[in-house]
Amino acid sequence: MDIDITGPNVPKMLGLENADLNVEEGQIHPAEGPSGVKVISMAFLLEDPDKPVIWRGPIKLGAIQQFIGDVAWGELDALIIDFPPGTGDEPLTVSQSPPGDRWRSYRDYSSRSRPPR
């Protein structure tokens, strides 16, 4: 789940830039990538991926809550969440709405999460 609303990049990293989401009975069905990895990202909803998403506060948090509550994940071995860099409302929103009964949070500050110099 890519909750970096203003800089969604997980679909690009997984080669899913042209994937489509399906909506059935009020549930969003995530795109499926390599090895059956299911992905939901704001990138799938943008008309132009090169235009910035300039959302603040409640609108951004509402999108995250919709990803958590309205996505038909099915059976999962794990749910990996890509947070935006830095600290903000996104991690707090996710931690207050844990999906399922198993919840672990891990943040990786790898070079992939830093902008190029």
N, C-alpha and C. Protein backbone atom coordinates (compact mmCIF):
# COMPACT_ATOMS: atom_id res chain seq x y z
N MET A 1 0.86 -1.16 0.00
CA MET A 1 0.00 0.00 0.00
C MET A 1 0.90 1.22 0.00
N ASP A 2 0.77 2.01 -1.05
CA ASP A 2 1.59 3.21 -1.22
C ASP A 2 0.79 4.39 -0.67
N ILE A 3 1.13 4.84 0.54
CA ILE A 3 0.40 5.98 1.10
C ILE A 3 1.17 7.28 0.96
N ASP A 4 2.17 7.28 0.09
CA ASP A 4 2.85 8.53 -0.23
C ASP A 4 1.99 9.22 -1.29
N ILE A 5 0.96 9.89 -0.83
CA ILE A 5 -0.07 10.47 -1.71
C ILE A 5 0.51 11.50 -2.66
N THR A 6 1.42 12.33 -2.19
CA THR A 6 1.95 13.40 -3.04
C THR A 6 3.15 12.97 -3.88
N GLY A 7 3.66 11.78 -3.66
CA GLY A 7 4.78 11.28 -4.45
C GLY A 7 4.71 9.77 -4.61
N PRO A 8 3.61 9.26 -5.17
CA PRO A 8 3.45 7.80 -5.26
C PRO A 8 4.40 7.20 -6.29
N ASN A 9 5.21 6.22 -5.86
CA ASN A 9 6.19 5.65 -6.78
C ASN A 9 6.23 4.12 -6.78
N VAL A 10 5.46 3.47 -5.94
CA VAL A 10 5.50 2.01 -5.87
C VAL A 10 5.11 1.36 -7.20
N PRO A 11 4.04 1.81 -7.89
CA PRO A 11 3.72 1.18 -9.17
C PRO A 11 4.88 1.26 -10.18
N LYS A 12 5.57 2.37 -10.21
CA LYS A 12 6.71 2.50 -11.13
C LYS A 12 7.82 1.54 -10.75
N MET A 13 8.09 1.40 -9.45
CA MET A 13 9.14 0.51 -8.99
C MET A 13 8.83 -0.95 -9.32
N LEU A 14 7.53 -1.29 -9.40
CA LEU A 14 7.13 -2.67 -9.68
C LEU A 14 6.73 -2.89 -11.14
N GLY A 15 6.89 -1.87 -11.98
CA GLY A 15 6.54 -2.00 -13.39
C GLY A 15 5.05 -2.04 -13.65
N LEU A 16 4.27 -1.36 -12.82
CA LEU A 16 2.81 -1.37 -12.93
C LEU A 16 2.24 -0.01 -13.34
N GLU A 17 3.03 0.80 -14.03
CA GLU A 17 2.57 2.16 -14.36
C GLU A 17 1.27 2.17 -15.15
N ASN A 18 1.02 1.16 -15.97
CA ASN A 18 -0.17 1.14 -16.82
C ASN A 18 -1.27 0.24 -16.29
N ALA A 19 -1.15 -0.21 -15.07
CA ALA A 19 -2.16 -1.10 -14.48
C ALA A 19 -3.44 -0.34 -14.17
N ASP A 20 -4.55 -1.05 -14.18
CA ASP A 20 -5.85 -0.47 -13.85
C ASP A 20 -6.38 -1.11 -12.57
N LEU A 21 -7.15 -0.33 -11.83
CA LEU A 21 -7.83 -0.85 -10.66
C LEU A 21 -9.26 -1.19 -11.05
N ASN A 22 -9.83 -2.19 -10.43
CA ASN A 22 -11.23 -2.55 -10.64
C ASN A 22 -12.01 -2.24 -9.38
N VAL A 23 -13.24 -1.77 -9.56
CA VAL A 23 -14.12 -1.51 -8.43
C VAL A 23 -15.37 -2.36 -8.61
N GLU A 24 -15.66 -3.20 -7.62
CA GLU A 24 -16.84 -4.05 -7.65
C GLU A 24 -17.51 -4.00 -6.29
N GLU A 25 -18.81 -3.75 -6.29
CA GLU A 25 -19.61 -3.73 -5.07
C GLU A 25 -19.00 -2.83 -3.99
N GLY A 26 -18.51 -1.66 -4.40
CA GLY A 26 -17.97 -0.69 -3.46
C GLY A 26 -16.59 -1.01 -2.93
N GLN A 27 -15.96 -2.05 -3.46
CA GLN A 27 -14.62 -2.44 -3.03
C GLN A 27 -13.64 -2.21 -4.18
N ILE A 28 -12.49 -1.64 -3.84
CA ILE A 28 -11.42 -1.43 -4.82
C ILE A 28 -10.56 -2.69 -4.83
N HIS A 29 -10.34 -3.25 -6.01
CA HIS A 29 -9.47 -4.42 -6.15
C HIS A 29 -8.10 -3.94 -6.60
N PRO A 30 -7.08 -4.21 -5.82
CA PRO A 30 -5.75 -3.69 -6.13
C PRO A 30 -5.18 -4.29 -7.41
N ALA A 31 -4.23 -3.57 -7.99
CA ALA A 31 -3.49 -4.09 -9.14
C ALA A 31 -2.60 -5.22 -8.64
N GLU A 32 -2.28 -6.14 -9.55
CA GLU A 32 -1.44 -7.26 -9.16
C GLU A 32 -0.14 -7.20 -9.94
N GLY A 33 0.96 -7.27 -9.20
CA GLY A 33 2.28 -7.15 -9.79
C GLY A 33 3.06 -8.45 -9.75
N PRO A 34 4.38 -8.34 -9.79
CA PRO A 34 5.25 -9.52 -9.80
C PRO A 34 4.98 -10.44 -8.62
N SER A 35 4.96 -11.73 -8.89
CA SER A 35 4.77 -12.76 -7.86
C SER A 35 3.45 -12.60 -7.10
N GLY A 36 2.47 -11.96 -7.74
CA GLY A 36 1.16 -11.82 -7.11
C GLY A 36 1.07 -10.71 -6.08
N VAL A 37 2.05 -9.82 -6.04
CA VAL A 37 2.03 -8.70 -5.08
C VAL A 37 0.87 -7.77 -5.45
N LYS A 38 0.01 -7.49 -4.47
CA LYS A 38 -1.13 -6.61 -4.69
C LYS A 38 -0.73 -5.19 -4.30
N VAL A 39 -1.12 -4.23 -5.15
CA VAL A 39 -0.67 -2.85 -4.96
C VAL A 39 -1.84 -1.88 -5.09
N ILE A 40 -1.91 -0.94 -4.14
CA ILE A 40 -2.83 0.19 -4.25
C ILE A 40 -1.98 1.45 -4.09
N SER A 41 -2.26 2.44 -4.94
CA SER A 41 -1.46 3.66 -4.93
C SER A 41 -2.25 4.79 -5.57
N MET A 42 -1.99 5.99 -5.11
CA MET A 42 -2.58 7.17 -5.72
C MET A 42 -2.17 7.27 -7.19
N ALA A 43 -1.02 6.72 -7.53
CA ALA A 43 -0.53 6.79 -8.91
C ALA A 43 -1.52 6.19 -9.90
N PHE A 44 -2.29 5.19 -9.49
CA PHE A 44 -3.27 4.57 -10.38
C PHE A 44 -4.45 5.50 -10.66
N LEU A 45 -4.65 6.50 -9.83
CA LEU A 45 -5.81 7.37 -9.94
C LEU A 45 -5.51 8.70 -10.62
N LEU A 46 -4.25 8.94 -10.94
CA LEU A 46 -3.85 10.21 -11.53
C LEU A 46 -3.99 10.18 -13.05
N GLU A 47 -4.54 11.25 -13.62
CA GLU A 47 -4.61 11.36 -15.07
C GLU A 47 -3.23 11.59 -15.67
N ASP A 48 -2.43 12.41 -15.02
CA ASP A 48 -1.08 12.72 -15.48
C ASP A 48 -0.11 12.51 -14.33
N PRO A 49 0.69 11.45 -14.40
CA PRO A 49 1.61 11.16 -13.29
C PRO A 49 2.69 12.21 -13.08
N ASP A 50 2.89 13.08 -14.07
CA ASP A 50 3.91 14.12 -13.94
C ASP A 50 3.39 15.38 -13.23
N LYS A 51 2.07 15.47 -13.05
CA LYS A 51 1.51 16.62 -12.33
C LYS A 51 1.53 16.33 -10.84
N PRO A 52 1.90 17.31 -10.05
CA PRO A 52 1.96 17.08 -8.60
C PRO A 52 0.57 16.96 -7.98
N VAL A 53 0.49 16.17 -6.92
CA VAL A 53 -0.73 16.07 -6.13
C VAL A 53 -0.55 17.03 -4.96
N ILE A 54 -1.34 18.08 -4.95
CA ILE A 54 -1.22 19.09 -3.90
C ILE A 54 -2.44 18.98 -3.00
N TRP A 55 -2.38 18.01 -2.12
CA TRP A 55 -3.45 17.77 -1.17
C TRP A 55 -2.92 18.00 0.22
N ARG A 56 -3.79 18.47 1.08
CA ARG A 56 -3.41 18.69 2.47
C ARG A 56 -4.43 18.04 3.38
N GLY A 57 -4.03 17.87 4.61
CA GLY A 57 -4.89 17.46 5.72
C GLY A 57 -5.96 16.45 5.43
N PRO A 58 -7.23 16.85 5.62
CA PRO A 58 -8.34 15.90 5.57
C PRO A 58 -8.49 15.17 4.23
N ILE A 59 -8.19 15.83 3.12
CA ILE A 59 -8.33 15.17 1.82
C ILE A 59 -7.32 14.04 1.69
N LYS A 60 -6.07 14.31 2.05
CA LYS A 60 -5.02 13.29 1.98
C LYS A 60 -5.32 12.15 2.95
N LEU A 61 -5.72 12.48 4.15
CA LEU A 61 -6.01 11.45 5.15
C LEU A 61 -7.24 10.63 4.77
N GLY A 62 -8.21 11.27 4.11
CA GLY A 62 -9.38 10.55 3.63
C GLY A 62 -9.02 9.50 2.59
N ALA A 63 -8.08 9.84 1.71
CA ALA A 63 -7.62 8.88 0.70
C ALA A 63 -6.95 7.69 1.37
N ILE A 64 -6.13 7.95 2.37
CA ILE A 64 -5.45 6.86 3.09
C ILE A 64 -6.47 5.97 3.79
N GLN A 65 -7.46 6.58 4.44
CA GLN A 65 -8.49 5.79 5.11
C GLN A 65 -9.29 4.96 4.12
N GLN A 66 -9.49 5.50 2.92
CA GLN A 66 -10.20 4.73 1.89
C GLN A 66 -9.34 3.56 1.43
N PHE A 67 -8.04 3.76 1.28
CA PHE A 67 -7.15 2.65 0.93
C PHE A 67 -7.23 1.56 2.00
N ILE A 68 -7.28 1.95 3.25
CA ILE A 68 -7.33 0.98 4.35
C ILE A 68 -8.68 0.28 4.40
N GLY A 69 -9.76 1.04 4.27
CA GLY A 69 -11.09 0.48 4.48
C GLY A 69 -11.80 -0.08 3.27
N ASP A 70 -11.48 0.40 2.07
CA ASP A 70 -12.27 0.04 0.88
C ASP A 70 -11.52 -0.83 -0.12
N VAL A 71 -10.34 -1.30 0.22
CA VAL A 71 -9.58 -2.15 -0.70
C VAL A 71 -9.81 -3.61 -0.34
N ALA A 72 -10.19 -4.40 -1.34
CA ALA A 72 -10.42 -5.83 -1.16
C ALA A 72 -9.09 -6.56 -1.33
N TRP A 73 -8.33 -6.64 -0.24
CA TRP A 73 -7.00 -7.25 -0.31
C TRP A 73 -7.07 -8.76 -0.45
N GLY A 74 -8.11 -9.38 0.06
CA GLY A 74 -8.14 -10.84 0.09
C GLY A 74 -7.19 -11.34 1.16
N GLU A 75 -6.74 -12.57 1.00
CA GLU A 75 -5.81 -13.17 1.96
C GLU A 75 -4.40 -12.64 1.71
N LEU A 76 -3.78 -12.12 2.75
CA LEU A 76 -2.42 -11.57 2.63
C LEU A 76 -1.47 -12.28 3.58
N ASP A 77 -0.24 -12.48 3.11
CA ASP A 77 0.82 -12.95 4.00
C ASP A 77 1.35 -11.79 4.82
N ALA A 78 1.42 -10.62 4.20
CA ALA A 78 1.92 -9.41 4.86
C ALA A 78 1.38 -8.21 4.11
N LEU A 79 1.29 -7.08 4.80
CA LEU A 79 0.91 -5.82 4.18
C LEU A 79 2.08 -4.87 4.35
N ILE A 80 2.68 -4.50 3.24
CA ILE A 80 3.82 -3.58 3.26
C ILE A 80 3.29 -2.20 2.90
N ILE A 81 3.63 -1.23 3.73
CA ILE A 81 3.14 0.14 3.52
C ILE A 81 4.33 1.05 3.24
N ASP A 82 4.26 1.74 2.10
CA ASP A 82 5.29 2.71 1.74
C ASP A 82 4.84 4.07 2.23
N PHE A 83 5.53 4.59 3.25
CA PHE A 83 5.23 5.90 3.80
C PHE A 83 6.01 6.97 3.05
N PRO A 84 5.52 8.21 3.07
CA PRO A 84 6.32 9.30 2.52
C PRO A 84 7.53 9.56 3.42
N PRO A 85 8.57 10.17 2.87
CA PRO A 85 9.73 10.48 3.71
C PRO A 85 9.36 11.50 4.79
N GLY A 86 10.08 11.45 5.89
CA GLY A 86 9.85 12.40 6.97
C GLY A 86 8.72 11.96 7.88
N THR A 87 8.30 12.89 8.71
CA THR A 87 7.20 12.60 9.63
C THR A 87 6.00 13.44 9.23
N GLY A 88 4.85 12.90 9.41
CA GLY A 88 3.64 13.62 9.05
C GLY A 88 2.42 12.88 9.55
N ASP A 89 1.27 13.25 9.02
CA ASP A 89 0.02 12.65 9.45
C ASP A 89 -0.18 11.23 8.91
N GLU A 90 0.50 10.88 7.83
CA GLU A 90 0.28 9.58 7.20
C GLU A 90 0.57 8.41 8.14
N PRO A 91 1.74 8.34 8.77
CA PRO A 91 1.99 7.22 9.69
C PRO A 91 1.01 7.18 10.86
N LEU A 92 0.63 8.34 11.35
CA LEU A 92 -0.33 8.40 12.46
C LEU A 92 -1.69 7.86 12.02
N THR A 93 -2.13 8.25 10.83
CA THR A 93 -3.41 7.77 10.31
C THR A 93 -3.40 6.25 10.19
N VAL A 94 -2.33 5.71 9.64
CA VAL A 94 -2.24 4.26 9.47
C VAL A 94 -2.20 3.55 10.83
N SER A 95 -1.43 4.08 11.75
CA SER A 95 -1.31 3.41 13.05
C SER A 95 -2.61 3.44 13.85
N GLN A 96 -3.47 4.40 13.56
CA GLN A 96 -4.75 4.48 14.25
C GLN A 96 -5.83 3.64 13.57
N SER A 97 -5.52 3.09 12.40
CA SER A 97 -6.48 2.27 11.65
C SER A 97 -5.83 0.98 11.20
N PRO A 98 -5.38 0.14 12.12
CA PRO A 98 -4.66 -1.07 11.69
C PRO A 98 -5.57 -2.05 10.96
N PRO A 99 -5.14 -2.51 9.76
CA PRO A 99 -5.94 -3.49 9.03
C PRO A 99 -5.66 -4.89 9.56
N GLY A 100 -6.68 -5.57 10.00
CA GLY A 100 -6.51 -6.95 10.46
C GLY A 100 -6.00 -7.03 11.88
N ASP A 101 -5.68 -8.24 12.28
CA ASP A 101 -5.27 -8.45 13.66
C ASP A 101 -3.76 -8.53 13.84
N ARG A 102 -3.01 -8.56 12.74
CA ARG A 102 -1.55 -8.60 12.84
C ARG A 102 -1.00 -7.28 12.30
N TRP A 103 -0.22 -6.61 13.10
CA TRP A 103 0.25 -5.28 12.72
C TRP A 103 1.68 -5.09 13.13
N ARG A 104 2.53 -4.78 12.17
CA ARG A 104 3.92 -4.46 12.44
C ARG A 104 4.26 -3.23 11.62
N SER A 105 5.03 -2.37 12.19
CA SER A 105 5.46 -1.17 11.48
C SER A 105 6.98 -1.15 11.41
N TYR A 106 7.49 -0.90 10.22
CA TYR A 106 8.93 -0.86 10.00
C TYR A 106 9.21 0.24 8.99
N ARG A 107 10.16 1.10 9.29
CA ARG A 107 10.52 2.16 8.36
C ARG A 107 11.95 1.97 7.92
N ASP A 108 12.16 2.03 6.64
CA ASP A 108 13.49 1.85 6.06
C ASP A 108 13.92 3.17 5.44
N TYR A 109 15.01 3.69 5.92
CA TYR A 109 15.53 4.96 5.40
C TYR A 109 16.64 4.68 4.40
N SER A 110 16.33 3.86 3.41
CA SER A 110 17.33 3.48 2.42
C SER A 110 17.55 4.59 1.41
N SER A 111 18.55 4.40 0.58
CA SER A 111 18.86 5.40 -0.45
C SER A 111 17.72 5.53 -1.45
N ARG A 112 16.88 4.50 -1.61
CA ARG A 112 15.75 4.58 -2.53
C ARG A 112 14.71 5.59 -2.08
N SER A 113 14.67 5.86 -0.80
CA SER A 113 13.67 6.80 -0.29
C SER A 113 14.16 8.23 -0.26
N ARG A 114 15.40 8.44 -0.69
CA ARG A 114 15.96 9.80 -0.71
C ARG A 114 15.99 10.33 -2.14
N PRO A 115 15.76 11.62 -2.32
CA PRO A 115 15.82 12.18 -3.67
C PRO A 115 17.25 12.16 -4.19
N PRO A 116 17.42 12.03 -5.53
CA PRO A 116 18.77 12.06 -6.09
C PRO A 116 19.42 13.42 -5.87
N ARG A 117 20.72 13.43 -5.78
CA ARG A 117 21.44 14.69 -5.57
C ARG A 117 21.97 15.24 -6.87
